[in-house]
Amino acid sequence: MTQTDLDNTAPAPAEPAASALTHAEFVAAYTSGRLKVNIVPKEAARFLSRRMMLPWILLPVFGIAVAIALVGHWIIGCLIFAAGLGLRWLSRATAPGYIMQRALADRVFYDEVQALGFLLVEGN
């Protein structure tokens, strides 16, 4: 065999990955402790932000905070601005747990996050 023949050969098919589990198998294996699930936090936060339409909530909150600060009530404006930042931080911090809980409860959601690739299932 030449080097080009070696490069063009396909690897032997492997066993089905753990991510090929159905929702019922996933729930059963996870609750029994046979699976380890990793959720990519950055992608989970981005997904949850899109799903909650967070920019559409935060932009008006930040705008109102700046407007209140500009009319002279700068302490209240700063508090509202900080509350908006806190909401953003809270949604990012809790995104992996929310996605895990929702994936265990909803088959369609599980299929969606599996297709997006940030719910990583390890073990059998």
C-alpha atoms as a PDB file:
ATOM      1  CA  MET A   1       0.000   0.000   0.000  1.00  0.00           C
ATOM      2  CA  THR A   2       1.163   3.474  -0.763  1.00  0.00           C
ATOM      3  CA  GLN A   3       0.888   6.458   1.539  1.00  0.00           C
ATOM      4  CA  THR A   4      -2.114   7.818  -0.402  1.00  0.00           C
ATOM      5  CA  ASP A   5      -3.911   4.491   0.010  1.00  0.00           C
ATOM      6  CA  LEU A   6      -3.346   4.683   3.751  1.00  0.00           C
ATOM      7  CA  ASP A   7      -4.663   8.252   3.876  1.00  0.00           C
ATOM      8  CA  ASN A   8      -7.821   7.362   1.941  1.00  0.00           C
ATOM      9  CA  THR A   9      -8.823   4.326   3.964  1.00  0.00           C
ATOM     10  CA  ALA A  10     -11.681   4.871   6.326  1.00  0.00           C
ATOM     11  CA  PRO A  11     -11.320   3.761   9.928  1.00  0.00           C
ATOM     12  CA  ALA A  12     -13.298   0.763  11.069  1.00  0.00           C
ATOM     13  CA  PRO A  13     -16.738   1.666  12.383  1.00  0.00           C
ATOM     14  CA  ALA A  14     -16.684   2.104  16.125  1.00  0.00           C
ATOM     15  CA  GLU A  15     -19.311   1.148  18.630  1.00  0.00           C
ATOM     16  CA  PRO A  16     -22.198   3.597  18.910  1.00  0.00           C
ATOM     17  CA  ALA A  17     -21.281   6.554  21.074  1.00  0.00           C
ATOM     18  CA  ALA A  18     -22.955   7.185  24.389  1.00  0.00           C
ATOM     19  CA  SER A  19     -24.477  10.307  22.837  1.00  0.00           C
ATOM     20  CA  ALA A  20     -26.586   8.055  20.579  1.00  0.00           C
ATOM     21  CA  LEU A  21     -28.768   7.174  23.554  1.00  0.00           C
ATOM     22  CA  THR A  22     -32.484   7.691  23.376  1.00  0.00           C
ATOM     23  CA  HIS A  23     -34.037   9.968  25.963  1.00  0.00           C
ATOM     24  CA  ALA A  24     -35.430   7.074  28.001  1.00  0.00           C
ATOM     25  CA  GLU A  25     -32.036   5.323  28.038  1.00  0.00           C
ATOM     26  CA  PHE A  26     -30.335   8.596  28.945  1.00  0.00           C
ATOM     27  CA  VAL A  27     -32.653   9.237  31.898  1.00  0.00           C
ATOM     28  CA  ALA A  28     -32.376   5.655  33.160  1.00  0.00           C
ATOM     29  CA  ALA A  29     -28.584   5.583  32.861  1.00  0.00           C
ATOM     30  CA  TYR A  30     -28.145   9.027  34.429  1.00  0.00           C
ATOM     31  CA  THR A  31     -30.393   8.325  37.406  1.00  0.00           C
ATOM     32  CA  SER A  32     -28.608   5.015  38.030  1.00  0.00           C
ATOM     33  CA  GLY A  33     -25.229   6.776  37.907  1.00  0.00           C
ATOM     34  CA  ARG A  34     -23.821   4.949  34.867  1.00  0.00           C
ATOM     35  CA  LEU A  35     -23.376   8.160  32.837  1.00  0.00           C
ATOM     36  CA  LYS A  36     -21.290  11.229  33.346  1.00  0.00           C
ATOM     37  CA  VAL A  37     -22.695  14.302  31.644  1.00  0.00           C
ATOM     38  CA  ASN A  38     -20.624  17.380  30.855  1.00  0.00           C
ATOM     39  CA  ILE A  39     -22.254  20.568  29.679  1.00  0.00           C
ATOM     40  CA  VAL A  40     -20.105  23.208  28.013  1.00  0.00           C
ATOM     41  CA  PRO A  41     -20.872  26.247  30.224  1.00  0.00           C
ATOM     42  CA  LYS A  42     -20.148  28.928  27.636  1.00  0.00           C
ATOM     43  CA  GLU A  43     -22.336  27.318  24.991  1.00  0.00           C
ATOM     44  CA  ALA A  44     -25.050  26.595  27.549  1.00  0.00           C
ATOM     45  CA  ALA A  45     -25.093  30.239  28.619  1.00  0.00           C
ATOM     46  CA  ARG A  46     -25.280  31.404  25.012  1.00  0.00           C
ATOM     47  CA  PHE A  47     -28.120  28.959  24.297  1.00  0.00           C
ATOM     48  CA  LEU A  48     -30.070  30.002  27.373  1.00  0.00           C
ATOM     49  CA  SER A  49     -29.545  33.681  26.613  1.00  0.00           C
ATOM     50  CA  ARG A  50     -31.010  33.202  23.134  1.00  0.00           C
ATOM     51  CA  ARG A  51     -33.843  31.071  24.442  1.00  0.00           C
ATOM     52  CA  MET A  52     -34.814  33.616  27.133  1.00  0.00           C
ATOM     53  CA  MET A  53     -34.366  36.515  24.685  1.00  0.00           C
ATOM     54  CA  LEU A  54     -32.127  38.047  27.336  1.00  0.00           C
ATOM     55  CA  PRO A  55     -30.791  40.896  25.167  1.00  0.00           C
ATOM     56  CA  TRP A  56     -34.369  42.074  24.607  1.00  0.00           C
ATOM     57  CA  ILE A  57     -34.799  42.240  28.385  1.00  0.00           C
ATOM     58  CA  LEU A  58     -31.418  43.699  29.323  1.00  0.00           C
ATOM     59  CA  LEU A  59     -31.233  46.488  26.746  1.00  0.00           C
ATOM     60  CA  PRO A  60     -34.321  48.299  28.075  1.00  0.00           C
ATOM     61  CA  VAL A  61     -33.211  47.707  31.676  1.00  0.00           C
ATOM     62  CA  PHE A  62     -29.797  49.238  30.987  1.00  0.00           C
ATOM     63  CA  GLY A  63     -31.392  52.085  29.036  1.00  0.00           C
ATOM     64  CA  ILE A  64     -33.792  52.885  31.869  1.00  0.00           C
ATOM     65  CA  ALA A  65     -30.924  52.736  34.355  1.00  0.00           C
ATOM     66  CA  VAL A  66     -28.869  55.223  32.342  1.00  0.00           C
ATOM     67  CA  ALA A  67     -31.879  57.501  31.839  1.00  0.00           C
ATOM     68  CA  ILE A  68     -32.639  57.537  35.570  1.00  0.00           C
ATOM     69  CA  ALA A  69     -28.989  58.266  36.329  1.00  0.00           C
ATOM     70  CA  LEU A  70     -28.947  61.128  33.814  1.00  0.00           C
ATOM     71  CA  VAL A  71     -31.979  62.860  35.334  1.00  0.00           C
ATOM     72  CA  GLY A  72     -30.248  63.048  38.682  1.00  0.00           C
ATOM     73  CA  HIS A  73     -31.119  59.841  40.539  1.00  0.00           C
ATOM     74  CA  TRP A  74     -27.771  58.258  39.919  1.00  0.00           C
ATOM     75  CA  ILE A  75     -27.893  55.878  42.909  1.00  0.00           C
ATOM     76  CA  ILE A  76     -31.178  54.353  41.748  1.00  0.00           C
ATOM     77  CA  GLY A  77     -29.821  54.221  38.190  1.00  0.00           C
ATOM     78  CA  CYS A  78     -26.699  52.417  39.362  1.00  0.00           C
ATOM     79  CA  LEU A  79     -28.794  49.944  41.370  1.00  0.00           C
ATOM     80  CA  ILE A  80     -30.985  49.156  38.359  1.00  0.00           C
ATOM     81  CA  PHE A  81     -27.897  48.780  36.166  1.00  0.00           C
ATOM     82  CA  ALA A  82     -26.353  46.424  38.748  1.00  0.00           C
ATOM     83  CA  ALA A  83     -29.601  44.433  38.867  1.00  0.00           C
ATOM     84  CA  GLY A  84     -29.409  44.006  35.075  1.00  0.00           C
ATOM     85  CA  LEU A  85     -25.815  42.801  35.324  1.00  0.00           C
ATOM     86  CA  GLY A  86     -26.856  40.466  38.135  1.00  0.00           C
ATOM     87  CA  LEU A  87     -29.605  38.978  35.970  1.00  0.00           C
ATOM     88  CA  ARG A  88     -27.096  38.376  33.187  1.00  0.00           C
ATOM     89  CA  TRP A  89     -24.623  36.779  35.592  1.00  0.00           C
ATOM     90  CA  LEU A  90     -27.341  34.659  37.211  1.00  0.00           C
ATOM     91  CA  SER A  91     -28.551  33.312  33.880  1.00  0.00           C
ATOM     92  CA  ARG A  92     -24.999  32.404  32.857  1.00  0.00           C
ATOM     93  CA  ALA A  93     -24.171  30.782  36.194  1.00  0.00           C
ATOM     94  CA  THR A  94     -27.287  28.607  36.295  1.00  0.00           C
ATOM     95  CA  ALA A  95     -27.413  27.658  32.598  1.00  0.00           C
ATOM     96  CA  PRO A  96     -25.728  24.216  32.871  1.00  0.00           C
ATOM     97  CA  GLY A  97     -27.982  23.114  35.726  1.00  0.00           C
ATOM     98  CA  TYR A  98     -31.097  24.334  33.943  1.00  0.00           C
ATOM     99  CA  ILE A  99     -30.132  22.526  30.760  1.00  0.00           C
ATOM    100  CA  MET A 100     -29.424  19.291  32.643  1.00  0.00           C
ATOM    101  CA  GLN A 101     -32.726  19.452  34.508  1.00  0.00           C
ATOM    102  CA  ARG A 102     -34.656  20.227  31.344  1.00  0.00           C
ATOM    103  CA  ALA A 103     -32.850  17.517  29.326  1.00  0.00           C
ATOM    104  CA  LEU A 104     -33.848  14.921  31.907  1.00  0.00           C
ATOM    105  CA  ALA A 105     -37.473  16.053  31.836  1.00  0.00           C
ATOM    106  CA  ASP A 106     -38.131  16.721  28.138  1.00  0.00           C
ATOM    107  CA  ARG A 107     -37.299  14.419  25.216  1.00  0.00           C
ATOM    108  CA  VAL A 108     -37.545  17.146  22.559  1.00  0.00           C
ATOM    109  CA  PHE A 109     -35.234  19.440  24.529  1.00  0.00           C
ATOM    110  CA  TYR A 110     -32.765  16.569  25.031  1.00  0.00           C
ATOM    111  CA  ASP A 111     -32.699  15.906  21.288  1.00  0.00           C
ATOM    112  CA  GLU A 112     -32.185  19.623  20.614  1.00  0.00           C
ATOM    113  CA  VAL A 113     -29.199  20.044  22.945  1.00  0.00           C
ATOM    114  CA  GLN A 114     -27.702  16.769  21.705  1.00  0.00           C
ATOM    115  CA  ALA A 115     -27.930  18.076  18.133  1.00  0.00           C
ATOM    116  CA  LEU A 116     -26.274  21.348  19.163  1.00  0.00           C
ATOM    117  CA  GLY A 117     -23.427  19.387  20.723  1.00  0.00           C
ATOM    118  CA  PHE A 118     -22.890  20.968  24.116  1.00  0.00           C
ATOM    119  CA  LEU A 119     -24.454  18.177  26.169  1.00  0.00           C
ATOM    120  CA  LEU A 120     -21.562  15.694  26.282  1.00  0.00           C
ATOM    121  CA  VAL A 121     -22.421  12.200  27.506  1.00  0.00           C
ATOM    122  CA  GLU A 122     -19.611   9.904  28.686  1.00  0.00           C
ATOM    123  CA  GLY A 123     -19.724   6.288  29.788  1.00  0.00           C
ATOM    124  CA  ASN A 124     -22.191   3.471  29.366  1.00  0.00           C
END
